Amino acid sequence: MNRSAPTPDDRADRLLAAYFKAQLPAAWPAPPIPVQASTRPLAGVGQTWRTRLTLGACAAGLLGLGLMLSGSPTGTNSNDPRDDGFLKSGTANGKSLVDKARNTAK
């Protein structure tokens, strides 16, 4: 690094560094000793079953909500008048969809 004549920025840096070093205490105080936490007794047998029952109810509720929002458990909704069954006969390569689209366009 090339040292040249001090610039005004260097002087300001030195003044600020000296000021903040003077503000720090010479010796830091000792850290506070934490109070020993009391231990909780383990959950009883009734508490365990209540927790499992709550978890099961939540899982069943989420599953039911997902099925309700999807329309039906099987994924088909025959009550929709806009459903023309276009995607029901589709394959992974899409060839049947392309053929069906060409036939409906004619």
C-alpha atoms as a PDB file:
ATOM      1  CA  MET A   1       0.000   0.000   0.000  1.00  0.00           C
ATOM      2  CA  ASN A   2       1.331   3.409  -0.912  1.00  0.00           C
ATOM      3  CA  ARG A   3       1.340   5.917   1.950  1.00  0.00           C
ATOM      4  CA  SER A   4       1.030   9.512   0.917  1.00  0.00           C
ATOM      5  CA  ALA A   5       0.338  12.718   2.787  1.00  0.00           C
ATOM      6  CA  PRO A   6      -2.608  12.394   5.180  1.00  0.00           C
ATOM      7  CA  THR A   7      -5.849  13.602   3.691  1.00  0.00           C
ATOM      8  CA  PRO A   8      -8.594  15.386   5.595  1.00  0.00           C
ATOM      9  CA  ASP A   9     -10.538  12.132   5.609  1.00  0.00           C
ATOM     10  CA  ASP A  10      -7.652  10.353   7.396  1.00  0.00           C
ATOM     11  CA  ARG A  11      -7.552  13.056  10.056  1.00  0.00           C
ATOM     12  CA  ALA A  12     -11.302  12.772  10.596  1.00  0.00           C
ATOM     13  CA  ASP A  13     -10.999   8.999  10.844  1.00  0.00           C
ATOM     14  CA  ARG A  14      -8.260   9.294  13.435  1.00  0.00           C
ATOM     15  CA  LEU A  15     -10.246  11.841  15.474  1.00  0.00           C
ATOM     16  CA  LEU A  16     -13.367   9.692  15.416  1.00  0.00           C
ATOM     17  CA  ALA A  17     -11.405   6.554  16.317  1.00  0.00           C
ATOM     18  CA  ALA A  18      -9.789   8.324  19.263  1.00  0.00           C
ATOM     19  CA  TYR A  19     -13.149   9.661  20.452  1.00  0.00           C
ATOM     20  CA  PHE A  20     -14.902   6.279  20.360  1.00  0.00           C
ATOM     21  CA  LYS A  21     -11.968   4.477  21.990  1.00  0.00           C
ATOM     22  CA  ALA A  22     -12.122   7.012  24.822  1.00  0.00           C
ATOM     23  CA  GLN A  23     -15.826   6.258  25.285  1.00  0.00           C
ATOM     24  CA  LEU A  24     -15.219   2.513  25.833  1.00  0.00           C
ATOM     25  CA  PRO A  25     -14.638   1.375  29.403  1.00  0.00           C
ATOM     26  CA  ALA A  26     -11.137   0.172  30.237  1.00  0.00           C
ATOM     27  CA  ALA A  27     -12.387  -3.049  31.824  1.00  0.00           C
ATOM     28  CA  TRP A  28     -15.643  -4.643  30.866  1.00  0.00           C
ATOM     29  CA  PRO A  29     -18.023  -5.601  33.667  1.00  0.00           C
ATOM     30  CA  ALA A  30     -18.509  -9.280  34.433  1.00  0.00           C
ATOM     31  CA  PRO A  31     -21.430 -10.889  32.637  1.00  0.00           C
ATOM     32  CA  PRO A  32     -24.528 -11.489  34.732  1.00  0.00           C
ATOM     33  CA  ILE A  33     -24.911 -15.007  36.059  1.00  0.00           C
ATOM     34  CA  PRO A  34     -28.186 -16.485  34.798  1.00  0.00           C
ATOM     35  CA  VAL A  35     -30.674 -17.738  37.311  1.00  0.00           C
ATOM     36  CA  GLN A  36     -31.042 -21.493  37.063  1.00  0.00           C
ATOM     37  CA  ALA A  37     -34.263 -22.285  35.243  1.00  0.00           C
ATOM     38  CA  SER A  38     -36.724 -24.501  37.031  1.00  0.00           C
ATOM     39  CA  THR A  39     -37.447 -27.778  35.306  1.00  0.00           C
ATOM     40  CA  ARG A  40     -40.990 -28.581  34.245  1.00  0.00           C
ATOM     41  CA  PRO A  41     -42.406 -31.941  35.156  1.00  0.00           C
ATOM     42  CA  LEU A  42     -42.909 -34.262  32.225  1.00  0.00           C
ATOM     43  CA  ALA A  43     -46.314 -34.309  30.592  1.00  0.00           C
ATOM     44  CA  GLY A  44     -48.699 -36.881  31.936  1.00  0.00           C
ATOM     45  CA  VAL A  45     -50.255 -39.697  29.957  1.00  0.00           C
ATOM     46  CA  GLY A  46     -53.499 -37.747  29.488  1.00  0.00           C
ATOM     47  CA  GLN A  47     -51.602 -34.819  28.017  1.00  0.00           C
ATOM     48  CA  THR A  48     -49.892 -37.081  25.452  1.00  0.00           C
ATOM     49  CA  TRP A  49     -53.184 -38.515  24.208  1.00  0.00           C
ATOM     50  CA  ARG A  50     -54.755 -35.068  24.044  1.00  0.00           C
ATOM     51  CA  THR A  51     -51.827 -33.861  21.941  1.00  0.00           C
ATOM     52  CA  ARG A  52     -52.127 -36.820  19.571  1.00  0.00           C
ATOM     53  CA  LEU A  53     -55.878 -36.334  19.276  1.00  0.00           C
ATOM     54  CA  THR A  54     -55.406 -32.662  18.442  1.00  0.00           C
ATOM     55  CA  LEU A  55     -52.771 -33.489  15.824  1.00  0.00           C
ATOM     56  CA  GLY A  56     -55.042 -36.129  14.263  1.00  0.00           C
ATOM     57  CA  ALA A  57     -57.978 -33.714  14.155  1.00  0.00           C
ATOM     58  CA  CYS A  58     -55.832 -31.068  12.469  1.00  0.00           C
ATOM     59  CA  ALA A  59     -54.525 -33.532   9.889  1.00  0.00           C
ATOM     60  CA  ALA A  60     -58.061 -34.774   9.129  1.00  0.00           C
ATOM     61  CA  GLY A  61     -59.300 -31.195   8.837  1.00  0.00           C
ATOM     62  CA  LEU A  62     -56.545 -30.256   6.408  1.00  0.00           C
ATOM     63  CA  LEU A  63     -57.172 -33.374   4.321  1.00  0.00           C
ATOM     64  CA  GLY A  64     -60.911 -32.681   4.237  1.00  0.00           C
ATOM     65  CA  LEU A  65     -60.373 -29.053   3.316  1.00  0.00           C
ATOM     66  CA  GLY A  66     -58.030 -30.027   0.502  1.00  0.00           C
ATOM     67  CA  LEU A  67     -60.559 -32.515  -0.880  1.00  0.00           C
ATOM     68  CA  MET A  68     -63.342 -29.973  -0.607  1.00  0.00           C
ATOM     69  CA  LEU A  69     -61.365 -27.310  -2.446  1.00  0.00           C
ATOM     70  CA  SER A  70     -60.293 -29.712  -5.176  1.00  0.00           C
ATOM     71  CA  GLY A  71     -63.888 -30.372  -6.170  1.00  0.00           C
ATOM     72  CA  SER A  72     -64.104 -34.085  -5.468  1.00  0.00           C
ATOM     73  CA  PRO A  73     -61.939 -36.893  -4.092  1.00  0.00           C
ATOM     74  CA  THR A  74     -61.359 -38.407  -7.537  1.00  0.00           C
ATOM     75  CA  GLY A  75     -60.375 -35.139  -9.223  1.00  0.00           C
ATOM     76  CA  THR A  76     -63.243 -35.177 -11.757  1.00  0.00           C
ATOM     77  CA  ASN A  77     -66.143 -32.797 -11.618  1.00  0.00           C
ATOM     78  CA  SER A  78     -68.891 -33.919 -13.955  1.00  0.00           C
ATOM     79  CA  ASN A  79     -71.258 -31.159 -12.791  1.00  0.00           C
ATOM     80  CA  ASP A  80     -69.273 -28.433 -14.533  1.00  0.00           C
ATOM     81  CA  PRO A  81     -70.990 -27.491 -17.841  1.00  0.00           C
ATOM     82  CA  ARG A  82     -67.719 -26.091 -19.210  1.00  0.00           C
ATOM     83  CA  ASP A  83     -65.957 -29.455 -18.841  1.00  0.00           C
ATOM     84  CA  ASP A  84     -65.661 -30.906 -22.347  1.00  0.00           C
ATOM     85  CA  GLY A  85     -63.421 -33.806 -21.259  1.00  0.00           C
ATOM     86  CA  PHE A  86     -60.517 -32.554 -23.361  1.00  0.00           C
ATOM     87  CA  LEU A  87     -57.805 -33.503 -20.873  1.00  0.00           C
ATOM     88  CA  LYS A  88     -59.372 -36.764 -19.680  1.00  0.00           C
ATOM     89  CA  SER A  89     -58.120 -38.724 -22.691  1.00  0.00           C
ATOM     90  CA  GLY A  90     -54.627 -37.184 -22.653  1.00  0.00           C
ATOM     91  CA  THR A  91     -51.412 -39.177 -22.563  1.00  0.00           C
ATOM     92  CA  ALA A  92     -47.941 -38.284 -21.377  1.00  0.00           C
ATOM     93  CA  ASN A  93     -46.652 -37.479 -24.866  1.00  0.00           C
ATOM     94  CA  GLY A  94     -49.670 -35.307 -25.714  1.00  0.00           C
ATOM     95  CA  LYS A  95     -50.260 -36.926 -29.115  1.00  0.00           C
ATOM     96  CA  SER A  96     -53.906 -37.711 -28.367  1.00  0.00           C
ATOM     97  CA  LEU A  97     -54.487 -34.110 -27.274  1.00  0.00           C
ATOM     98  CA  VAL A  98     -53.002 -32.747 -30.491  1.00  0.00           C
ATOM     99  CA  ASP A  99     -55.157 -35.103 -32.571  1.00  0.00           C
ATOM    100  CA  LYS A 100     -58.275 -34.174 -30.615  1.00  0.00           C
ATOM    101  CA  ALA A 101     -57.524 -30.458 -30.954  1.00  0.00           C
ATOM    102  CA  ARG A 102     -57.095 -30.803 -34.712  1.00  0.00           C
ATOM    103  CA  ASN A 103     -60.393 -32.715 -35.000  1.00  0.00           C
ATOM    104  CA  THR A 104     -62.331 -30.100 -33.008  1.00  0.00           C
ATOM    105  CA  ALA A 105     -60.816 -27.235 -35.023  1.00  0.00           C
ATOM    106  CA  LYS A 106     -62.176 -28.626 -38.308  1.00  0.00           C
END
